[in-house]
PDB file of N, CA and C in Angstrom:
ATOM      1  N   MET A   1       9.190  57.024 -38.167  1.00  0.00           N
ATOM      2  CA  MET A   1       8.454  57.623 -36.684  1.00  0.00           C
ATOM      3  C   MET A   1       7.938  56.341 -37.106  1.00  0.00           C
ATOM      4  N   LYS A   2       6.927  55.304 -35.689  1.00  0.00           N
ATOM      5  CA  LYS A   2       5.937  53.760 -35.979  1.00  0.00           C
ATOM      6  C   LYS A   2       5.126  54.820 -36.251  1.00  0.00           C
ATOM      7  N   SER A   3       4.632  55.662 -34.642  1.00  0.00           N
ATOM      8  CA  SER A   3       2.705  56.094 -34.936  1.00  0.00           C
ATOM      9  C   SER A   3       2.925  56.896 -33.557  1.00  0.00           C
ATOM     10  N   LEU A   4       1.824  57.643 -32.879  1.00  0.00           N
ATOM     11  CA  LEU A   4       2.603  58.673 -31.874  1.00  0.00           C
ATOM     12  C   LEU A   4       0.872  58.855 -31.072  1.00  0.00           C
ATOM     13  N   ASN A   5       1.085  58.881 -29.850  1.00  0.00           N
ATOM     14  CA  ASN A   5      -0.379  59.051 -29.108  1.00  0.00           C
ATOM     15  C   ASN A   5       0.372  60.242 -28.247  1.00  0.00           C
ATOM     16  N   GLN A   6      -0.665  61.006 -28.371  1.00  0.00           N
ATOM     17  CA  GLN A   6      -0.048  62.418 -27.616  1.00  0.00           C
ATOM     18  C   GLN A   6      -1.141  63.160 -28.119  1.00  0.00           C
ATOM     19  N   VAL A   7      -1.619  64.208 -26.571  1.00  0.00           N
ATOM     20  CA  VAL A   7      -2.478  65.930 -27.034  1.00  0.00           C
ATOM     21  C   VAL A   7      -1.964  66.204 -25.641  1.00  0.00           C
ATOM     22  N   PHE A   8      -2.956  67.671 -26.462  1.00  0.00           N
ATOM     23  CA  PHE A   8      -2.495  68.983 -25.817  1.00  0.00           C
ATOM     24  C   PHE A   8      -3.409  69.383 -25.607  1.00  0.00           C
ATOM     25  N   LEU A   9      -4.741  69.395 -24.427  1.00  0.00           N
ATOM     26  CA  LEU A   9      -5.944  70.663 -24.058  1.00  0.00           C
ATOM     27  C   LEU A   9      -5.856  71.296 -23.694  1.00  0.00           C
ATOM     28  N   VAL A  10      -6.026  72.303 -23.448  1.00  0.00           N
ATOM     29  CA  VAL A  10      -6.638  73.700 -23.249  1.00  0.00           C
ATOM     30  C   VAL A  10      -8.282  73.842 -22.899  1.00  0.00           C
ATOM     31  N   GLY A  11      -9.068  73.931 -21.632  1.00  0.00           N
ATOM     32  CA  GLY A  11     -10.185  73.703 -22.053  1.00  0.00           C
ATOM     33  C   GLY A  11     -10.446  73.885 -19.537  1.00  0.00           C
ATOM     34  N   PHE A  12     -11.768  73.974 -20.164  1.00  0.00           N
ATOM     35  CA  PHE A  12     -12.502  74.099 -18.551  1.00  0.00           C
ATOM     36  C   PHE A  12     -13.422  73.161 -18.064  1.00  0.00           C
ATOM     37  N   LEU A  13     -13.321  72.652 -16.831  1.00  0.00           N
ATOM     38  CA  LEU A  13     -13.838  71.453 -15.277  1.00  0.00           C
ATOM     39  C   LEU A  13     -15.186  72.225 -16.322  1.00  0.00           C
ATOM     40  N   GLY A  14     -15.595  70.961 -16.188  1.00  0.00           N
ATOM     41  CA  GLY A  14     -16.822  70.863 -16.570  1.00  0.00           C
ATOM     42  C   GLY A  14     -18.034  70.424 -14.837  1.00  0.00           C
ATOM     43  N   ALA A  15     -17.283  70.679 -13.937  1.00  0.00           N
ATOM     44  CA  ALA A  15     -17.649  69.752 -12.195  1.00  0.00           C
ATOM     45  C   ALA A  15     -15.702  69.613 -11.661  1.00  0.00           C
ATOM     46  N   ASP A  16     -16.926  69.472 -10.287  1.00  0.00           N
ATOM     47  CA  ASP A  16     -15.445  69.051  -9.413  1.00  0.00           C
ATOM     48  C   ASP A  16     -15.328  68.543  -8.974  1.00  0.00           C
ATOM     49  N   ALA A  17     -13.429  67.877  -9.685  1.00  0.00           N
ATOM     50  CA  ALA A  17     -12.854  66.563  -9.727  1.00  0.00           C
ATOM     51  C   ALA A  17     -13.455  65.250  -9.009  1.00  0.00           C
ATOM     52  N   GLN A  18     -13.848  64.268  -9.500  1.00  0.00           N
ATOM     53  CA  GLN A  18     -13.891  63.012  -9.009  1.00  0.00           C
ATOM     54  C   GLN A  18     -12.327  61.972  -8.427  1.00  0.00           C
ATOM     55  N   ILE A  19     -12.820  62.007  -6.964  1.00  0.00           N
ATOM     56  CA  ILE A  19     -11.918  61.542  -6.503  1.00  0.00           C
ATOM     57  C   ILE A  19     -11.241  60.009  -6.110  1.00  0.00           C
ATOM     58  N   LYS A  20     -10.752  58.976  -6.722  1.00  0.00           N
ATOM     59  CA  LYS A  20     -10.853  57.846  -6.080  1.00  0.00           C
ATOM     60  C   LYS A  20      -9.623  57.291  -5.024  1.00  0.00           C
ATOM     61  N   THR A  21      -9.177  56.974  -3.212  1.00  0.00           N
ATOM     62  CA  THR A  21      -8.640  56.384  -3.204  1.00  0.00           C
ATOM     63  C   THR A  21      -8.316  55.116  -3.515  1.00  0.00           C
ATOM     64  N   PHE A  22      -7.893  54.406  -3.718  1.00  0.00           N
ATOM     65  CA  PHE A  22      -7.189  52.700  -3.197  1.00  0.00           C
ATOM     66  C   PHE A  22      -6.698  52.169  -2.195  1.00  0.00           C
ATOM     67  N   ASP A  23      -7.072  51.620  -1.235  1.00  0.00           N
ATOM     68  CA  ASP A  23      -6.245  50.823  -0.490  1.00  0.00           C
ATOM     69  C   ASP A  23      -4.821  51.338   0.080  1.00  0.00           C
ATOM     70  N   ASN A  24      -3.862  50.878  -0.738  1.00  0.00           N
ATOM     71  CA  ASN A  24      -2.928  51.539  -1.100  1.00  0.00           C
ATOM     72  C   ASN A  24      -2.556  52.581  -0.880  1.00  0.00           C
ATOM     73  N   GLY A  25      -3.609  53.647  -1.317  1.00  0.00           N
ATOM     74  CA  GLY A  25      -2.659  55.224  -1.079  1.00  0.00           C
ATOM     75  C   GLY A  25      -2.969  55.271  -1.997  1.00  0.00           C
ATOM     76  N   ASP A  26      -2.723  55.130  -3.329  1.00  0.00           N
ATOM     77  CA  ASP A  26      -2.926  55.042  -4.298  1.00  0.00           C
ATOM     78  C   ASP A  26      -3.964  56.706  -5.354  1.00  0.00           C
ATOM     79  N   LYS A  27      -4.532  57.541  -5.862  1.00  0.00           N
ATOM     80  CA  LYS A  27      -5.497  57.637  -6.218  1.00  0.00           C
ATOM     81  C   LYS A  27      -5.120  58.371  -7.234  1.00  0.00           C
ATOM     82  N   VAL A  28      -6.443  58.620  -8.043  1.00  0.00           N
ATOM     83  CA  VAL A  28      -6.212  59.072  -9.550  1.00  0.00           C
ATOM     84  C   VAL A  28      -8.350  59.805  -9.206  1.00  0.00           C
ATOM     85  N   ALA A  29      -7.949  60.305 -10.800  1.00  0.00           N
ATOM     86  CA  ALA A  29      -8.591  61.706 -10.655  1.00  0.00           C
ATOM     87  C   ALA A  29      -9.567  61.445 -12.296  1.00  0.00           C
ATOM     88  N   THR A  30     -10.769  61.701 -11.497  1.00  0.00           N
ATOM     89  CA  THR A  30     -12.020  61.798 -13.446  1.00  0.00           C
ATOM     90  C   THR A  30     -11.898  63.268 -13.156  1.00  0.00           C
ATOM     91  N   LEU A  31     -11.741  63.309 -14.856  1.00  0.00           N
ATOM     92  CA  LEU A  31     -12.088  64.881 -14.660  1.00  0.00           C
ATOM     93  C   LEU A  31     -13.355  65.130 -15.855  1.00  0.00           C
ATOM     94  N   SER A  32     -14.347  66.300 -16.312  1.00  0.00           N
ATOM     95  CA  SER A  32     -14.514  66.482 -17.406  1.00  0.00           C
ATOM     96  C   SER A  32     -14.192  68.114 -17.984  1.00  0.00           C
ATOM     97  N   VAL A  33     -13.578  67.592 -18.963  1.00  0.00           N
ATOM     98  CA  VAL A  33     -13.319  68.789 -19.225  1.00  0.00           C
ATOM     99  C   VAL A  33     -13.390  69.165 -21.143  1.00  0.00           C
ATOM    100  N   ALA A  34     -13.644  70.760 -20.999  1.00  0.00           N
ATOM    101  CA  ALA A  34     -14.225  71.257 -22.043  1.00  0.00           C
ATOM    102  C   ALA A  34     -13.992  72.637 -22.859  1.00  0.00           C
ATOM    103  N   THR A  35     -13.846  71.822 -24.676  1.00  0.00           N
ATOM    104  CA  THR A  35     -12.898  72.489 -25.363  1.00  0.00           C
ATOM    105  C   THR A  35     -13.382  72.984 -25.716  1.00  0.00           C
ATOM    106  N   ASP A  36     -13.886  74.526 -26.910  1.00  0.00           N
ATOM    107  CA  ASP A  36     -15.002  74.577 -27.783  1.00  0.00           C
ATOM    108  C   ASP A  36     -14.453  75.309 -29.007  1.00  0.00           C
ATOM    109  N   ASP A  37     -15.150  75.460 -29.635  1.00  0.00           N
ATOM    110  CA  ASP A  37     -14.371  76.300 -31.143  1.00  0.00           C
ATOM    111  C   ASP A  37     -16.384  76.553 -32.257  1.00  0.00           C
ATOM    112  N   SER A  38     -15.827  77.011 -33.113  1.00  0.00           N
ATOM    113  CA  SER A  38     -16.715  77.888 -33.733  1.00  0.00           C
ATOM    114  C   SER A  38     -16.368  76.968 -35.446  1.00  0.00           C
ATOM    115  N   TYR A  39     -17.242  78.094 -35.838  1.00  0.00           N
ATOM    116  CA  TYR A  39     -16.961  77.470 -37.351  1.00  0.00           C
ATOM    117  C   TYR A  39     -18.567  78.313 -38.084  1.00  0.00           C
ATOM    118  N   THR A  40     -18.220  78.987 -39.646  1.00  0.00           N
ATOM    119  CA  THR A  40     -19.847  79.887 -40.162  1.00  0.00           C
ATOM    120  C   THR A  40     -19.644  78.587 -41.526  1.00  0.00           C
ATOM    121  N   PRO A  41     -20.671  78.540 -41.554  1.00  0.00           N
ATOM    122  CA  PRO A  41     -21.252  77.489 -42.592  1.00  0.00           C
ATOM    123  C   PRO A  41     -21.360  78.370 -43.963  1.00  0.00           C
ATOM    124  N   LYS A  42     -21.845  78.190 -44.779  1.00  0.00           N
ATOM    125  CA  LYS A  42     -22.059  78.435 -46.580  1.00  0.00           C
ATOM    126  C   LYS A  42     -22.836  79.867 -46.271  1.00  0.00           C
ATOM    127  N   GLU A  43     -24.020  79.228 -45.003  1.00  0.00           N
ATOM    128  CA  GLU A  43     -25.577  79.765 -44.653  1.00  0.00           C
ATOM    129  C   GLU A  43     -25.394  81.055 -44.023  1.00  0.00           C
ATOM    130  N   GLY A  44     -23.991  81.323 -43.273  1.00  0.00           N
ATOM    131  CA  GLY A  44     -23.321  82.374 -42.268  1.00  0.00           C
ATOM    132  C   GLY A  44     -23.723  82.669 -41.113  1.00  0.00           C
ATOM    133  N   GLU A  45     -24.411  81.588 -41.079  1.00  0.00           N
ATOM    134  CA  GLU A  45     -24.459  82.070 -39.640  1.00  0.00           C
ATOM    135  C   GLU A  45     -23.531  81.596 -38.534  1.00  0.00           C
ATOM    136  N   LYS A  46     -22.242  81.548 -37.825  1.00  0.00           N
ATOM    137  CA  LYS A  46     -21.308  81.321 -37.171  1.00  0.00           C
ATOM    138  C   LYS A  46     -22.162  80.547 -35.999  1.00  0.00           C
ATOM    139  N   VAL A  47     -21.796  79.210 -35.937  1.00  0.00           N
ATOM    140  CA  VAL A  47     -21.662  77.842 -34.458  1.00  0.00           C
ATOM    141  C   VAL A  47     -20.892  77.554 -33.635  1.00  0.00           C
ATOM    142  N   GLU A  48     -20.885  78.128 -32.747  1.00  0.00           N
ATOM    143  CA  GLU A  48     -20.356  76.622 -31.290  1.00  0.00           C
ATOM    144  C   GLU A  48     -20.430  75.933 -31.832  1.00  0.00           C
ATOM    145  N   VAL A  49     -19.418  75.345 -30.391  1.00  0.00           N
ATOM    146  CA  VAL A  49     -19.104  73.513 -30.165  1.00  0.00           C
ATOM    147  C   VAL A  49     -18.079  73.527 -29.766  1.00  0.00           C
ATOM    148  N   THR A  50     -19.566  73.082 -28.929  1.00  0.00           N
ATOM    149  CA  THR A  50     -18.296  72.646 -27.484  1.00  0.00           C
ATOM    150  C   THR A  50     -18.650  70.815 -27.342  1.00  0.00           C
ATOM    151  N   ASP A  51     -17.077  70.411 -27.108  1.00  0.00           N
ATOM    152  CA  ASP A  51     -16.649  69.331 -26.939  1.00  0.00           C
ATOM    153  C   ASP A  51     -16.220  68.845 -25.978  1.00  0.00           C
ATOM    154  N   TRP A  52     -16.996  67.477 -24.990  1.00  0.00           N
ATOM    155  CA  TRP A  52     -16.785  67.366 -23.868  1.00  0.00           C
ATOM    156  C   TRP A  52     -15.365  66.105 -23.879  1.00  0.00           C
ATOM    157  N   HIS A  53     -14.594  65.672 -22.920  1.00  0.00           N
ATOM    158  CA  HIS A  53     -13.020  64.530 -23.101  1.00  0.00           C
ATOM    159  C   HIS A  53     -13.119  64.274 -21.364  1.00  0.00           C
ATOM    160  N   ASN A  54     -13.882  63.105 -21.838  1.00  0.00           N
ATOM    161  CA  ASN A  54     -13.449  62.447 -19.764  1.00  0.00           C
ATOM    162  C   ASN A  54     -11.695  62.171 -19.620  1.00  0.00           C
ATOM    163  N   VAL A  55     -11.293  62.519 -18.781  1.00  0.00           N
ATOM    164  CA  VAL A  55      -9.833  63.204 -18.185  1.00  0.00           C
ATOM    165  C   VAL A  55      -9.576  62.015 -17.148  1.00  0.00           C
ATOM    166  N   VAL A  56      -8.140  61.229 -17.438  1.00  0.00           N
ATOM    167  CA  VAL A  56      -8.581  60.444 -15.867  1.00  0.00           C
ATOM    168  C   VAL A  56      -7.257  60.872 -15.493  1.00  0.00           C
ATOM    169  N   VAL A  57      -6.877  61.005 -14.229  1.00  0.00           N
ATOM    170  CA  VAL A  57      -5.361  62.042 -14.001  1.00  0.00           C
ATOM    171  C   VAL A  57      -5.341  60.370 -12.898  1.00  0.00           C
ATOM    172  N   LYS A  58      -3.000  60.454 -12.557  1.00  0.00           N
ATOM    173  CA  LYS A  58      -2.956  59.527 -12.306  1.00  0.00           C
ATOM    174  C   LYS A  58      -1.543  60.056 -12.332  1.00  0.00           C
ATOM    175  N   GLY A  59      -1.749  59.719 -10.358  1.00  0.00           N
ATOM    176  CA  GLY A  59      -0.376  60.253  -9.969  1.00  0.00           C
ATOM    177  C   GLY A  59      -0.638  60.856  -8.420  1.00  0.00           C
ATOM    178  N   THR A  60      -0.758  60.193  -7.737  1.00  0.00           N
ATOM    179  CA  THR A  60      -0.853  60.488  -6.150  1.00  0.00           C
ATOM    180  C   THR A  60      -1.034  62.165  -6.244  1.00  0.00           C
ATOM    181  N   LYS A  61       0.763  62.185  -6.005  1.00  0.00           N
ATOM    182  CA  LYS A  61       1.121  63.832  -6.035  1.00  0.00           C
ATOM    183  C   LYS A  61       0.108  65.234  -6.510  1.00  0.00           C
ATOM    184  N   THR A  62      -0.041  64.573  -8.029  1.00  0.00           N
ATOM    185  CA  THR A  62      -0.346  65.751  -8.848  1.00  0.00           C
ATOM    186  C   THR A  62      -2.183  66.069  -8.252  1.00  0.00           C
ATOM    187  N   VAL A  63      -2.739  64.225  -8.498  1.00  0.00           N
ATOM    188  CA  VAL A  63      -4.107  64.280  -7.832  1.00  0.00           C
ATOM    189  C   VAL A  63      -3.996  64.635  -6.149  1.00  0.00           C
ATOM    190  N   GLU A  64      -3.365  64.919  -5.783  1.00  0.00           N
ATOM    191  CA  GLU A  64      -4.383  65.545  -4.597  1.00  0.00           C
ATOM    192  C   GLU A  64      -3.692  67.152  -4.936  1.00  0.00           C
ATOM    193  N   PHE A  65      -2.797  67.589  -5.506  1.00  0.00           N
ATOM    194  CA  PHE A  65      -3.144  68.995  -5.965  1.00  0.00           C
ATOM    195  C   PHE A  65      -4.698  69.735  -6.455  1.00  0.00           C
ATOM    196  N   ILE A  66      -4.812  68.575  -7.543  1.00  0.00           N
ATOM    197  CA  ILE A  66      -6.264  68.220  -8.096  1.00  0.00           C
ATOM    198  C   ILE A  66      -7.615  68.633  -7.132  1.00  0.00           C
ATOM    199  N   GLU A  67      -6.721  68.079  -6.075  1.00  0.00           N
ATOM    200  CA  GLU A  67      -7.877  67.924  -5.137  1.00  0.00           C
ATOM    201  C   GLU A  67      -8.089  68.905  -4.472  1.00  0.00           C
ATOM    202  N   SER A  68      -7.317  69.887  -3.880  1.00  0.00           N
ATOM    203  CA  SER A  68      -7.890  71.226  -3.658  1.00  0.00           C
ATOM    204  C   SER A  68      -7.716  72.464  -4.635  1.00  0.00           C
ATOM    205  N   LYS A  69      -7.135  72.392  -5.947  1.00  0.00           N
ATOM    206  CA  LYS A  69      -7.905  72.668  -6.933  1.00  0.00           C
ATOM    207  C   LYS A  69      -8.540  72.927  -7.881  1.00  0.00           C
ATOM    208  N   ALA A  70      -8.249  72.065  -8.331  1.00  0.00           N
ATOM    209  CA  ALA A  70      -9.518  71.981  -9.129  1.00  0.00           C
ATOM    210  C   ALA A  70     -10.541  72.132  -9.021  1.00  0.00           C
ATOM    211  N   LYS A  71     -11.435  72.821  -9.799  1.00  0.00           N
ATOM    212  CA  LYS A  71     -12.864  72.968  -9.367  1.00  0.00           C
ATOM    213  C   LYS A  71     -14.031  73.242 -10.567  1.00  0.00           C
ATOM    214  N   LYS A  72     -15.252  73.308 -10.334  1.00  0.00           N
ATOM    215  CA  LYS A  72     -15.460  73.591 -11.271  1.00  0.00           C
ATOM    216  C   LYS A  72     -15.793  74.285 -12.263  1.00  0.00           C
ATOM    217  N   GLY A  73     -15.259  75.223 -13.245  1.00  0.00           N
ATOM    218  CA  GLY A  73     -15.603  76.042 -14.017  1.00  0.00           C
ATOM    219  C   GLY A  73     -13.695  76.331 -14.308  1.00  0.00           C
ATOM    220  N   ALA A  74     -12.487  75.998 -13.958  1.00  0.00           N
ATOM    221  CA  ALA A  74     -11.314  75.934 -13.711  1.00  0.00           C
ATOM    222  C   ALA A  74     -10.579  75.907 -14.695  1.00  0.00           C
ATOM    223  N   LYS A  75      -9.546  76.915 -15.817  1.00  0.00           N
ATOM    224  CA  LYS A  75      -8.805  76.740 -16.247  1.00  0.00           C
ATOM    225  C   LYS A  75      -8.266  75.865 -16.635  1.00  0.00           C
ATOM    226  N   VAL A  76      -8.410  74.646 -17.343  1.00  0.00           N
ATOM    227  CA  VAL A  76      -6.764  73.505 -17.303  1.00  0.00           C
ATOM    228  C   VAL A  76      -5.743  73.558 -18.703  1.00  0.00           C
ATOM    229  N   ILE A  77      -4.814  73.254 -18.427  1.00  0.00           N
ATOM    230  CA  ILE A  77      -4.013  72.520 -19.342  1.00  0.00           C
ATOM    231  C   ILE A  77      -3.463  71.257 -19.088  1.00  0.00           C
ATOM    232  N   LEU A  78      -3.966  70.164 -20.039  1.00  0.00           N
ATOM    233  CA  LEU A  78      -2.715  68.802 -19.449  1.00  0.00           C
ATOM    234  C   LEU A  78      -2.085  68.788 -21.171  1.00  0.00           C
ATOM    235  N   LYS A  79      -1.391  67.570 -20.654  1.00  0.00           N
ATOM    236  CA  LYS A  79      -0.860  66.483 -21.689  1.00  0.00           C
ATOM    237  C   LYS A  79      -0.812  65.183 -21.078  1.00  0.00           C
ATOM    238  N   GLY A  80      -1.508  64.062 -22.476  1.00  0.00           N
ATOM    239  CA  GLY A  80      -1.290  62.866 -22.802  1.00  0.00           C
ATOM    240  C   GLY A  80      -1.726  61.460 -23.454  1.00  0.00           C
ATOM    241  N   ILE A  81      -2.288  60.637 -23.202  1.00  0.00           N
ATOM    242  CA  ILE A  81      -2.618  59.996 -24.430  1.00  0.00           C
ATOM    243  C   ILE A  81      -3.898  59.553 -24.138  1.00  0.00           C
ATOM    244  N   ILE A  82      -4.478  59.345 -25.334  1.00  0.00           N
ATOM    245  CA  ILE A  82      -5.337  58.585 -25.394  1.00  0.00           C
ATOM    246  C   ILE A  82      -5.819  57.204 -25.685  1.00  0.00           C
ATOM    247  N   LYS A  83      -6.983  56.832 -24.624  1.00  0.00           N
ATOM    248  CA  LYS A  83      -7.169  55.163 -24.844  1.00  0.00           C
ATOM    249  C   LYS A  83      -8.272  55.197 -24.367  1.00  0.00           C
ATOM    250  N   THR A  84      -8.970  53.727 -25.356  1.00  0.00           N
ATOM    251  CA  THR A  84     -10.394  53.308 -25.473  1.00  0.00           C
ATOM    252  C   THR A  84     -10.407  52.569 -25.315  1.00  0.00           C
ATOM    253  N   LYS A  85     -11.245  52.196 -24.773  1.00  0.00           N
ATOM    254  CA  LYS A  85     -12.157  50.379 -23.912  1.00  0.00           C
ATOM    255  C   LYS A  85     -12.828  50.383 -25.013  1.00  0.00           C
ATOM    256  N   LYS A  86     -13.025  49.212 -25.472  1.00  0.00           N
ATOM    257  CA  LYS A  86     -14.092  48.670 -25.787  1.00  0.00           C
ATOM    258  C   LYS A  86     -14.738  47.573 -24.736  1.00  0.00           C
ATOM    259  N   LYS A  87     -16.423  47.294 -24.785  1.00  0.00           N
ATOM    260  CA  LYS A  87     -16.760  46.398 -24.043  1.00  0.00           C
ATOM    261  C   LYS A  87     -17.761  46.087 -24.931  1.00  0.00           C
ATOM    262  N   GLU A  88     -18.371  45.059 -24.715  1.00  0.00           N
ATOM    263  CA  GLU A  88     -19.929  44.186 -25.005  1.00  0.00           C
ATOM    264  C   GLU A  88     -20.656  43.887 -24.385  1.00  0.00           C
ATOM    265  N   LYS A  89     -22.223  45.037 -24.784  1.00  0.00           N
ATOM    266  CA  LYS A  89     -23.521  43.911 -23.783  1.00  0.00           C
ATOM    267  C   LYS A  89     -24.903  44.047 -24.310  1.00  0.00           C
ATOM    268  N   ASP A  90     -25.222  42.606 -24.260  1.00  0.00           N
ATOM    269  CA  ASP A  90     -25.849  42.682 -25.548  1.00  0.00           C
ATOM    270  C   ASP A  90     -26.036  42.400 -26.638  1.00  0.00           C
ATOM    271  N   GLY A  91     -24.358  41.887 -26.964  1.00  0.00           N
ATOM    272  CA  GLY A  91     -24.236  42.042 -28.809  1.00  0.00           C
ATOM    273  C   GLY A  91     -23.674  43.457 -29.277  1.00  0.00           C
ATOM    274  N   ILE A  92     -24.021  44.199 -28.199  1.00  0.00           N
ATOM    275  CA  ILE A  92     -23.482  45.649 -28.949  1.00  0.00           C
ATOM    276  C   ILE A  92     -22.021  45.899 -28.201  1.00  0.00           C
ATOM    277  N   LYS A  93     -21.316  46.503 -29.436  1.00  0.00           N
ATOM    278  CA  LYS A  93     -19.906  47.391 -28.548  1.00  0.00           C
ATOM    279  C   LYS A  93     -20.201  48.550 -28.248  1.00  0.00           C
ATOM    280  N   GLN A  94     -19.447  48.656 -27.585  1.00  0.00           N
ATOM    281  CA  GLN A  94     -19.173  49.636 -26.616  1.00  0.00           C
ATOM    282  C   GLN A  94     -17.937  50.448 -26.829  1.00  0.00           C
ATOM    283  N   TYR A  95     -17.918  52.156 -26.902  1.00  0.00           N
ATOM    284  CA  TYR A  95     -16.278  51.882 -26.957  1.00  0.00           C
ATOM    285  C   TYR A  95     -16.407  53.394 -26.039  1.00  0.00           C
ATOM    286  N   ASN A  96     -15.566  53.771 -25.344  1.00  0.00           N
ATOM    287  CA  ASN A  96     -15.200  54.684 -24.145  1.00  0.00           C
ATOM    288  C   ASN A  96     -13.776  55.033 -23.927  1.00  0.00           C
ATOM    289  N   THR A  97     -14.028  56.522 -25.044  1.00  0.00           N
ATOM    290  CA  THR A  97     -12.063  56.832 -25.183  1.00  0.00           C
ATOM    291  C   THR A  97     -11.533  58.400 -23.965  1.00  0.00           C
ATOM    292  N   GLU A  98     -10.385  58.058 -23.045  1.00  0.00           N
ATOM    293  CA  GLU A  98     -10.037  58.536 -22.335  1.00  0.00           C
ATOM    294  C   GLU A  98      -8.519  59.221 -22.896  1.00  0.00           C
ATOM    295  N   ILE A  99      -8.436  60.204 -21.975  1.00  0.00           N
ATOM    296  CA  ILE A  99      -6.970  61.212 -22.134  1.00  0.00           C
ATOM    297  C   ILE A  99      -6.559  60.929 -21.045  1.00  0.00           C
ATOM    298  N   ILE A 100      -5.949  60.127 -20.409  1.00  0.00           N
ATOM    299  CA  ILE A 100      -4.687  59.400 -19.347  1.00  0.00           C
ATOM    300  C   ILE A 100      -3.698  60.448 -19.354  1.00  0.00           C
ATOM    301  N   THR A 101      -3.443  61.088 -17.706  1.00  0.00           N
ATOM    302  CA  THR A 101      -1.972  61.872 -18.331  1.00  0.00           C
ATOM    303  C   THR A 101      -1.765  61.868 -16.772  1.00  0.00           C
ATOM    304  N   LYS A 102      -0.940  62.629 -16.649  1.00  0.00           N
ATOM    305  CA  LYS A 102       0.014  62.733 -14.894  1.00  0.00           C
ATOM    306  C   LYS A 102       0.285  64.364 -15.012  1.00  0.00           C
ATOM    307  N   ASP A 103       0.242  65.085 -16.017  1.00  0.00           N
ATOM    308  CA  ASP A 103       1.238  66.669 -15.649  1.00  0.00           C
ATOM    309  C   ASP A 103      -1.073  67.248 -16.620  1.00  0.00           C
ATOM    310  N   LEU A 104      -1.285  67.598 -15.405  1.00  0.00           N
ATOM    311  CA  LEU A 104      -2.049  68.381 -15.466  1.00  0.00           C
ATOM    312  C   LEU A 104      -1.917  69.504 -14.818  1.00  0.00           C
ATOM    313  N   LYS A 105      -1.736  70.884 -15.228  1.00  0.00           N
ATOM    314  CA  LYS A 105      -1.890  72.517 -14.664  1.00  0.00           C
ATOM    315  C   LYS A 105      -3.129  73.037 -14.837  1.00  0.00           C
ATOM    316  N   ILE A 106      -3.491  74.057 -13.465  1.00  0.00           N
ATOM    317  CA  ILE A 106      -4.703  74.954 -13.571  1.00  0.00           C
ATOM    318  C   ILE A 106      -3.875  76.405 -14.023  1.00  0.00           C
ATOM    319  N   ILE A 107      -4.599  76.077 -15.209  1.00  0.00           N
ATOM    320  CA  ILE A 107      -4.884  78.535 -15.852  1.00  0.00           C
ATOM    321  C   ILE A 107      -5.369  79.277 -15.001  1.00  0.00           C
TER     322      ILE A 107
END
């Protein structure tokens, strides 16, 4: 196998989905999905960590489903790929990493 770009997430929506509709009727949704983890360092006190993931949902039918069901706090499961966009502003490189999916379920 040369490589594999696939991610599975189970998390919670941090806000209602943001929907964008294009002139041709296609729709895209952007979501903020929180996942959490915990660990116990040598000092012994448990530490809770939350990671936030930028998710872009493509596919008009999936977006229409999300539009009516995906509200802040909803638990979601998704399968997608990771894409990182790079841009340069004032000589500083900036990176934006997103998870792109057409496969999202509310559980």
